[in-house]
């Protein structure tokens, strides 16, 4: 039996954590793992207790670079051997600007926005991966890390996974379309602009079961799957 591993999550928010935890369970196929939440910090109800969103991921990355006094790969977190760090931002960040988060200070970065024509979805996600690597002070993904950039948002994965017969899912290039969150309001996942954590939790097992088919439909889910599995310690 393989030894259990630790999977640390740096995500935009609690619902992203729920879905990515389910995806990891599906990919590990029953292998034990310990979940560690690095960003955002959450209470027992999975409510964020510090700043979240992509700006929170940015700040976390810069803090790691400061602590390492160099690129993030020099930080002990990425050298444990039994820990994988999953870093997630949605591809809609490619439309954003640093000024959108007024509490991001002292940055002269001009790499956002970086959105590219879609299809292919990978044009934008590749550009955004480069941006995130810059946050980490890296040119390539450091050992022990896995990037996850759903296009256009992780809610696209949720819709494709749980509602494969949805009329929007049936159309080509589902990863290139905006506004699919509207479809999830019909199923009780979103009310107004608020994502309902309880509904995400209630469907975590269903999302895990759907992961195999989902990755066939969404190229970025397949890329995350392949890169995660390639990084999993073998013993």
C-alpha atoms as a PDB file:
ATOM      1  CA  UNK A   1       0.000   0.000   0.000  1.00  0.00           C
ATOM      2  CA  UNK A   2       1.277   3.467  -0.894  1.00  0.00           C
ATOM      3  CA  UNK A   3       2.108   5.858   1.889  1.00  0.00           C
ATOM      4  CA  UNK A   4      -0.375   8.711   2.404  1.00  0.00           C
ATOM      5  CA  UNK A   5       0.607  12.059   0.974  1.00  0.00           C
ATOM      6  CA  UNK A   6      -0.218  15.597   1.932  1.00  0.00           C
ATOM      7  CA  UNK A   7      -1.985  17.875  -0.521  1.00  0.00           C
ATOM      8  CA  UNK A   8      -1.894  21.570   0.310  1.00  0.00           C
ATOM      9  CA  UNK A   9      -4.367  23.886  -1.389  1.00  0.00           C
ATOM     10  CA  UNK A  10      -3.984  27.530  -2.362  1.00  0.00           C
ATOM     11  CA  UNK A  11      -7.334  28.527  -3.870  1.00  0.00           C
ATOM     12  CA  UNK A  12      -9.453  31.556  -4.569  1.00  0.00           C
ATOM     13  CA  UNK A  13     -12.132  30.468  -2.124  1.00  0.00           C
ATOM     14  CA  UNK A  14     -13.983  27.742  -0.205  1.00  0.00           C
ATOM     15  CA  UNK A  15     -16.063  26.396  -3.105  1.00  0.00           C
ATOM     16  CA  UNK A  16     -12.936  26.015  -5.230  1.00  0.00           C
ATOM     17  CA  UNK A  17     -11.395  24.030  -2.370  1.00  0.00           C
ATOM     18  CA  UNK A  18     -14.417  21.699  -2.207  1.00  0.00           C
ATOM     19  CA  UNK A  19     -14.300  20.904  -5.917  1.00  0.00           C
ATOM     20  CA  UNK A  20     -10.530  20.509  -6.089  1.00  0.00           C
ATOM     21  CA  UNK A  21     -10.527  18.202  -3.075  1.00  0.00           C
ATOM     22  CA  UNK A  22     -13.068  16.021  -4.890  1.00  0.00           C
ATOM     23  CA  UNK A  23     -10.923  16.069  -8.030  1.00  0.00           C
ATOM     24  CA  UNK A  24      -7.855  15.021  -6.042  1.00  0.00           C
ATOM     25  CA  UNK A  25      -9.770  12.146  -4.453  1.00  0.00           C
ATOM     26  CA  UNK A  26     -10.792  10.976  -7.914  1.00  0.00           C
ATOM     27  CA  UNK A  27      -7.240  11.191  -9.225  1.00  0.00           C
ATOM     28  CA  UNK A  28      -5.725   9.355  -6.252  1.00  0.00           C
ATOM     29  CA  UNK A  29      -8.215   6.505  -6.672  1.00  0.00           C
ATOM     30  CA  UNK A  30      -8.574   5.717  -2.995  1.00  0.00           C
ATOM     31  CA  UNK A  31      -5.033   6.497  -1.875  1.00  0.00           C
ATOM     32  CA  UNK A  32      -5.056   8.281   1.476  1.00  0.00           C
ATOM     33  CA  UNK A  33      -4.100  11.923   1.605  1.00  0.00           C
ATOM     34  CA  UNK A  34      -4.057  14.666   4.196  1.00  0.00           C
ATOM     35  CA  UNK A  35      -5.685  17.927   3.180  1.00  0.00           C
ATOM     36  CA  UNK A  36      -3.891  21.133   4.191  1.00  0.00           C
ATOM     37  CA  UNK A  37      -5.514  24.510   3.505  1.00  0.00           C
ATOM     38  CA  UNK A  38      -2.975  27.287   3.021  1.00  0.00           C
ATOM     39  CA  UNK A  39      -5.093  29.992   1.374  1.00  0.00           C
ATOM     40  CA  UNK A  40      -7.622  31.329   2.159  1.00  0.00           C
ATOM     41  CA  UNK A  41      -7.747  30.605   5.860  1.00  0.00           C
ATOM     42  CA  UNK A  42     -11.183  29.271   6.826  1.00  0.00           C
ATOM     43  CA  UNK A  43     -13.309  28.603   9.874  1.00  0.00           C
ATOM     44  CA  UNK A  44     -15.142  25.350  10.606  1.00  0.00           C
ATOM     45  CA  UNK A  45     -17.992  26.412   8.307  1.00  0.00           C
ATOM     46  CA  UNK A  46     -15.550  26.925   5.413  1.00  0.00           C
ATOM     47  CA  UNK A  47     -15.965  30.672   5.589  1.00  0.00           C
ATOM     48  CA  UNK A  48     -12.828  32.560   4.610  1.00  0.00           C
ATOM     49  CA  UNK A  49     -11.273  34.404   7.519  1.00  0.00           C
ATOM     50  CA  UNK A  50      -8.730  36.347   5.472  1.00  0.00           C
ATOM     51  CA  UNK A  51      -8.720  37.974   2.059  1.00  0.00           C
ATOM     52  CA  UNK A  52      -9.577  35.525  -0.694  1.00  0.00           C
ATOM     53  CA  UNK A  53     -10.082  35.656  -4.434  1.00  0.00           C
ATOM     54  CA  UNK A  54      -7.229  35.730  -6.903  1.00  0.00           C
ATOM     55  CA  UNK A  55      -5.764  38.691  -5.039  1.00  0.00           C
ATOM     56  CA  UNK A  56      -5.393  36.480  -1.986  1.00  0.00           C
ATOM     57  CA  UNK A  57      -3.544  33.895  -4.067  1.00  0.00           C
ATOM     58  CA  UNK A  58      -1.246  36.621  -5.375  1.00  0.00           C
ATOM     59  CA  UNK A  59      -0.455  37.858  -1.860  1.00  0.00           C
ATOM     60  CA  UNK A  60       0.197  34.286  -0.658  1.00  0.00           C
ATOM     61  CA  UNK A  61       2.648  33.695  -3.520  1.00  0.00           C
ATOM     62  CA  UNK A  62       4.512  36.916  -2.812  1.00  0.00           C
ATOM     63  CA  UNK A  63       4.738  36.063   0.886  1.00  0.00           C
ATOM     64  CA  UNK A  64       6.310  32.708   0.018  1.00  0.00           C
ATOM     65  CA  UNK A  65       8.867  34.476  -2.183  1.00  0.00           C
ATOM     66  CA  UNK A  66       9.665  36.914   0.634  1.00  0.00           C
ATOM     67  CA  UNK A  67      10.089  34.066   3.115  1.00  0.00           C
ATOM     68  CA  UNK A  68      12.338  32.162   0.715  1.00  0.00           C
ATOM     69  CA  UNK A  69      14.357  35.295  -0.072  1.00  0.00           C
ATOM     70  CA  UNK A  70      14.315  34.031  -3.640  1.00  0.00           C
ATOM     71  CA  UNK A  71      12.070  32.043  -5.953  1.00  0.00           C
ATOM     72  CA  UNK A  72       9.277  30.076  -4.307  1.00  0.00           C
ATOM     73  CA  UNK A  73      10.992  26.805  -5.161  1.00  0.00           C
ATOM     74  CA  UNK A  74      13.616  27.648  -2.538  1.00  0.00           C
ATOM     75  CA  UNK A  75      10.959  27.623   0.193  1.00  0.00           C
ATOM     76  CA  UNK A  76      10.959  24.456   2.381  1.00  0.00           C
ATOM     77  CA  UNK A  77       7.263  23.970   1.562  1.00  0.00           C
ATOM     78  CA  UNK A  78       8.206  22.801  -1.927  1.00  0.00           C
ATOM     79  CA  UNK A  79      10.980  20.495  -0.800  1.00  0.00           C
ATOM     80  CA  UNK A  80       9.105  18.201   1.617  1.00  0.00           C
ATOM     81  CA  UNK A  81       8.861  15.321  -0.811  1.00  0.00           C
ATOM     82  CA  UNK A  82       5.546  14.062   0.579  1.00  0.00           C
ATOM     83  CA  UNK A  83       3.557  17.258  -0.038  1.00  0.00           C
ATOM     84  CA  UNK A  84       1.993  18.613  -3.208  1.00  0.00           C
ATOM     85  CA  UNK A  85       0.897  22.247  -3.319  1.00  0.00           C
ATOM     86  CA  UNK A  86      -2.061  22.874  -5.639  1.00  0.00           C
ATOM     87  CA  UNK A  87      -2.266  26.542  -6.654  1.00  0.00           C
ATOM     88  CA  UNK A  88      -5.545  27.566  -8.306  1.00  0.00           C
ATOM     89  CA  UNK A  89      -6.835  30.676 -10.005  1.00  0.00           C
ATOM     90  CA  UNK A  90      -9.617  30.804 -12.570  1.00  0.00           C
ATOM     91  CA  UNK A  91      -8.840  31.929 -16.101  1.00  0.00           C
ATOM     92  CA  UNK A  92     -11.178  34.909 -15.749  1.00  0.00           C
ATOM     93  CA  UNK A  93      -8.256  36.501 -13.879  1.00  0.00           C
ATOM     94  CA  UNK A  94      -6.754  37.074 -17.334  1.00  0.00           C
ATOM     95  CA  UNK A  95      -9.272  39.915 -17.711  1.00  0.00           C
ATOM     96  CA  UNK A  96      -8.332  41.491 -14.390  1.00  0.00           C
ATOM     97  CA  UNK A  97      -5.924  44.202 -13.306  1.00  0.00           C
ATOM     98  CA  UNK A  98      -3.972  44.531 -10.076  1.00  0.00           C
ATOM     99  CA  UNK A  99      -5.796  47.758  -9.280  1.00  0.00           C
ATOM    100  CA  UNK A 100      -8.984  45.683  -8.970  1.00  0.00           C
ATOM    101  CA  UNK A 101      -7.663  44.678  -5.528  1.00  0.00           C
ATOM    102  CA  UNK A 102      -6.904  47.941  -3.750  1.00  0.00           C
ATOM    103  CA  UNK A 103      -5.102  46.075  -0.976  1.00  0.00           C
ATOM    104  CA  UNK A 104      -2.456  44.735  -3.390  1.00  0.00           C
ATOM    105  CA  UNK A 105       0.377  47.094  -2.628  1.00  0.00           C
ATOM    106  CA  UNK A 106       3.782  47.865  -4.075  1.00  0.00           C
ATOM    107  CA  UNK A 107       3.460  46.068  -7.377  1.00  0.00           C
ATOM    108  CA  UNK A 108       4.717  47.421 -10.666  1.00  0.00           C
ATOM    109  CA  UNK A 109       3.599  44.312 -12.550  1.00  0.00           C
ATOM    110  CA  UNK A 110       2.085  44.989 -15.943  1.00  0.00           C
ATOM    111  CA  UNK A 111       1.358  41.368 -16.915  1.00  0.00           C
ATOM    112  CA  UNK A 112      -2.412  41.648 -16.357  1.00  0.00           C
ATOM    113  CA  UNK A 113      -4.716  41.617 -18.196  1.00  0.00           C
ATOM    114  CA  UNK A 114      -3.434  38.812 -20.436  1.00  0.00           C
ATOM    115  CA  UNK A 115      -6.550  37.382 -22.061  1.00  0.00           C
ATOM    116  CA  UNK A 116      -6.127  35.798 -25.521  1.00  0.00           C
ATOM    117  CA  UNK A 117      -8.692  34.830 -28.184  1.00  0.00           C
ATOM    118  CA  UNK A 118     -10.562  31.617 -27.381  1.00  0.00           C
ATOM    119  CA  UNK A 119     -10.533  28.949 -28.739  1.00  0.00           C
ATOM    120  CA  UNK A 120      -8.166  27.579 -27.844  1.00  0.00           C
ATOM    121  CA  UNK A 121      -8.696  27.915 -24.109  1.00  0.00           C
ATOM    122  CA  UNK A 122      -5.032  27.080 -23.603  1.00  0.00           C
ATOM    123  CA  UNK A 123      -3.945  30.378 -25.172  1.00  0.00           C
ATOM    124  CA  UNK A 124      -5.285  32.302 -22.191  1.00  0.00           C
ATOM    125  CA  UNK A 125      -4.464  29.696 -19.558  1.00  0.00           C
ATOM    126  CA  UNK A 126      -0.879  29.473 -20.825  1.00  0.00           C
ATOM    127  CA  UNK A 127      -0.552  33.249 -20.544  1.00  0.00           C
ATOM    128  CA  UNK A 128      -2.025  33.217 -17.053  1.00  0.00           C
ATOM    129  CA  UNK A 129       0.237  30.364 -15.977  1.00  0.00           C
ATOM    130  CA  UNK A 130       3.190  32.583 -16.878  1.00  0.00           C
ATOM    131  CA  UNK A 131       1.702  35.357 -14.736  1.00  0.00           C
ATOM    132  CA  UNK A 132       1.241  33.042 -11.740  1.00  0.00           C
ATOM    133  CA  UNK A 133       4.770  31.725 -12.119  1.00  0.00           C
ATOM    134  CA  UNK A 134       5.921  35.336 -12.014  1.00  0.00           C
ATOM    135  CA  UNK A 135       4.089  35.741  -8.706  1.00  0.00           C
ATOM    136  CA  UNK A 136       6.171  32.787  -7.483  1.00  0.00           C
ATOM    137  CA  UNK A 137       9.392  34.246  -8.864  1.00  0.00           C
ATOM    138  CA  UNK A 138       9.719  31.257 -11.178  1.00  0.00           C
ATOM    139  CA  UNK A 139      10.085  30.554 -14.899  1.00  0.00           C
ATOM    140  CA  UNK A 140       8.719  27.015 -14.564  1.00  0.00           C
ATOM    141  CA  UNK A 141       6.540  25.192 -12.043  1.00  0.00           C
ATOM    142  CA  UNK A 142       8.664  24.359  -8.990  1.00  0.00           C
ATOM    143  CA  UNK A 143       8.991  20.797  -7.773  1.00  0.00           C
ATOM    144  CA  UNK A 144       6.164  19.942  -5.414  1.00  0.00           C
ATOM    145  CA  UNK A 145       3.706  22.383  -6.993  1.00  0.00           C
ATOM    146  CA  UNK A 146       0.833  21.886  -9.446  1.00  0.00           C
ATOM    147  CA  UNK A 147      -0.984  24.748 -11.146  1.00  0.00           C
ATOM    148  CA  UNK A 148      -4.735  24.574 -11.730  1.00  0.00           C
ATOM    149  CA  UNK A 149      -6.343  27.167 -14.010  1.00  0.00           C
ATOM    150  CA  UNK A 150      -9.918  26.280 -15.010  1.00  0.00           C
ATOM    151  CA  UNK A 151     -11.269  28.089 -18.065  1.00  0.00           C
ATOM    152  CA  UNK A 152     -13.182  30.368 -17.704  1.00  0.00           C
ATOM    153  CA  UNK A 153     -13.975  29.392 -14.112  1.00  0.00           C
ATOM    154  CA  UNK A 154     -14.186  26.262 -12.026  1.00  0.00           C
ATOM    155  CA  UNK A 155     -17.974  26.579 -12.270  1.00  0.00           C
ATOM    156  CA  UNK A 156     -17.594  25.503 -15.902  1.00  0.00           C
ATOM    157  CA  UNK A 157     -16.155  22.239 -14.598  1.00  0.00           C
ATOM    158  CA  UNK A 158     -19.022  21.919 -12.136  1.00  0.00           C
ATOM    159  CA  UNK A 159     -21.642  22.433 -14.840  1.00  0.00           C
ATOM    160  CA  UNK A 160     -19.963  20.016 -17.255  1.00  0.00           C
ATOM    161  CA  UNK A 161     -19.441  17.384 -14.576  1.00  0.00           C
ATOM    162  CA  UNK A 162     -22.852  17.357 -12.942  1.00  0.00           C
ATOM    163  CA  UNK A 163     -25.071  18.426 -15.821  1.00  0.00           C
ATOM    164  CA  UNK A 164     -23.627  16.910 -19.011  1.00  0.00           C
ATOM    165  CA  UNK A 165     -26.987  17.181 -20.771  1.00  0.00           C
ATOM    166  CA  UNK A 166     -27.197  20.947 -20.216  1.00  0.00           C
ATOM    167  CA  UNK A 167     -27.736  22.790 -23.509  1.00  0.00           C
ATOM    168  CA  UNK A 168     -24.696  24.992 -22.909  1.00  0.00           C
ATOM    169  CA  UNK A 169     -22.484  22.018 -22.129  1.00  0.00           C
ATOM    170  CA  UNK A 170     -23.572  20.342 -25.358  1.00  0.00           C
ATOM    171  CA  UNK A 171     -22.271  23.243 -27.442  1.00  0.00           C
ATOM    172  CA  UNK A 172     -18.660  23.215 -28.698  1.00  0.00           C
ATOM    173  CA  UNK A 173     -15.890  25.101 -26.903  1.00  0.00           C
ATOM    174  CA  UNK A 174     -17.598  25.147 -23.528  1.00  0.00           C
ATOM    175  CA  UNK A 175     -14.337  26.353 -21.935  1.00  0.00           C
ATOM    176  CA  UNK A 176     -14.484  29.530 -24.024  1.00  0.00           C
ATOM    177  CA  UNK A 177     -17.902  30.761 -22.957  1.00  0.00           C
ATOM    178  CA  UNK A 178     -18.687  33.297 -20.268  1.00  0.00           C
ATOM    179  CA  UNK A 179     -21.667  33.428 -17.959  1.00  0.00           C
ATOM    180  CA  UNK A 180     -22.204  29.717 -17.399  1.00  0.00           C
ATOM    181  CA  UNK A 181     -22.721  30.453 -13.711  1.00  0.00           C
ATOM    182  CA  UNK A 182     -26.276  31.427 -14.661  1.00  0.00           C
ATOM    183  CA  UNK A 183     -26.968  27.776 -15.405  1.00  0.00           C
ATOM    184  CA  UNK A 184     -25.909  26.817 -11.877  1.00  0.00           C
ATOM    185  CA  UNK A 185     -28.433  29.196 -10.320  1.00  0.00           C
ATOM    186  CA  UNK A 186     -31.144  26.924 -11.692  1.00  0.00           C
ATOM    187  CA  UNK A 187     -29.681  24.052  -9.687  1.00  0.00           C
ATOM    188  CA  UNK A 188     -29.279  25.903  -6.395  1.00  0.00           C
ATOM    189  CA  UNK A 189     -25.507  26.364  -6.403  1.00  0.00           C
ATOM    190  CA  UNK A 190     -25.594  30.136  -6.681  1.00  0.00           C
ATOM    191  CA  UNK A 191     -28.106  32.631  -5.308  1.00  0.00           C
ATOM    192  CA  UNK A 192     -27.676  36.099  -6.719  1.00  0.00           C
ATOM    193  CA  UNK A 193     -23.900  36.449  -6.700  1.00  0.00           C
ATOM    194  CA  UNK A 194     -23.397  34.205  -3.660  1.00  0.00           C
ATOM    195  CA  UNK A 195     -22.068  30.676  -4.049  1.00  0.00           C
ATOM    196  CA  UNK A 196     -23.900  28.371  -1.636  1.00  0.00           C
ATOM    197  CA  UNK A 197     -21.242  26.346   0.167  1.00  0.00           C
ATOM    198  CA  UNK A 198     -23.723  23.760   1.451  1.00  0.00           C
ATOM    199  CA  UNK A 199     -24.802  22.852  -2.065  1.00  0.00           C
ATOM    200  CA  UNK A 200     -21.204  22.431  -3.173  1.00  0.00           C
ATOM    201  CA  UNK A 201     -20.525  20.209  -0.163  1.00  0.00           C
ATOM    202  CA  UNK A 202     -23.630  18.109  -0.821  1.00  0.00           C
ATOM    203  CA  UNK A 203     -22.437  17.404  -4.366  1.00  0.00           C
ATOM    204  CA  UNK A 204     -18.755  16.810  -3.645  1.00  0.00           C
ATOM    205  CA  UNK A 205     -19.119  13.047  -4.100  1.00  0.00           C
ATOM    206  CA  UNK A 206     -21.055  13.494  -7.334  1.00  0.00           C
ATOM    207  CA  UNK A 207     -18.338  15.780  -8.671  1.00  0.00           C
ATOM    208  CA  UNK A 208     -15.692  13.221  -7.727  1.00  0.00           C
ATOM    209  CA  UNK A 209     -17.591  10.525  -9.592  1.00  0.00           C
ATOM    210  CA  UNK A 210     -17.918  12.778 -12.647  1.00  0.00           C
ATOM    211  CA  UNK A 211     -14.236  13.684 -12.839  1.00  0.00           C
ATOM    212  CA  UNK A 212     -13.288  11.008 -15.359  1.00  0.00           C
ATOM    213  CA  UNK A 213     -15.876  12.166 -17.890  1.00  0.00           C
ATOM    214  CA  UNK A 214     -15.296  15.829 -17.082  1.00  0.00           C
ATOM    215  CA  UNK A 215     -11.629  15.696 -17.997  1.00  0.00           C
ATOM    216  CA  UNK A 216     -12.583  14.349 -21.432  1.00  0.00           C
ATOM    217  CA  UNK A 217     -14.644  17.481 -22.087  1.00  0.00           C
ATOM    218  CA  UNK A 218     -12.445  20.168 -20.503  1.00  0.00           C
ATOM    219  CA  UNK A 219      -8.846  20.389 -21.641  1.00  0.00           C
ATOM    220  CA  UNK A 220      -7.698  22.283 -18.562  1.00  0.00           C
ATOM    221  CA  UNK A 221      -9.158  19.592 -16.291  1.00  0.00           C
ATOM    222  CA  UNK A 222      -7.182  17.032 -18.276  1.00  0.00           C
ATOM    223  CA  UNK A 223      -4.000  19.103 -18.031  1.00  0.00           C
ATOM    224  CA  UNK A 224      -4.425  19.475 -14.270  1.00  0.00           C
ATOM    225  CA  UNK A 225      -5.054  15.718 -13.977  1.00  0.00           C
ATOM    226  CA  UNK A 226      -1.934  14.788 -15.908  1.00  0.00           C
ATOM    227  CA  UNK A 227       0.322  17.255 -14.107  1.00  0.00           C
ATOM    228  CA  UNK A 228      -1.026  16.295 -10.684  1.00  0.00           C
ATOM    229  CA  UNK A 229      -0.536  12.581 -11.302  1.00  0.00           C
ATOM    230  CA  UNK A 230       2.970  13.173 -12.647  1.00  0.00           C
ATOM    231  CA  UNK A 231       3.854  15.008  -9.412  1.00  0.00           C
ATOM    232  CA  UNK A 232       2.392  12.461  -6.965  1.00  0.00           C
ATOM    233  CA  UNK A 233       5.104  10.701  -4.946  1.00  0.00           C
ATOM    234  CA  UNK A 234       5.181   7.021  -5.869  1.00  0.00           C
ATOM    235  CA  UNK A 235       5.810   5.579  -2.434  1.00  0.00           C
END
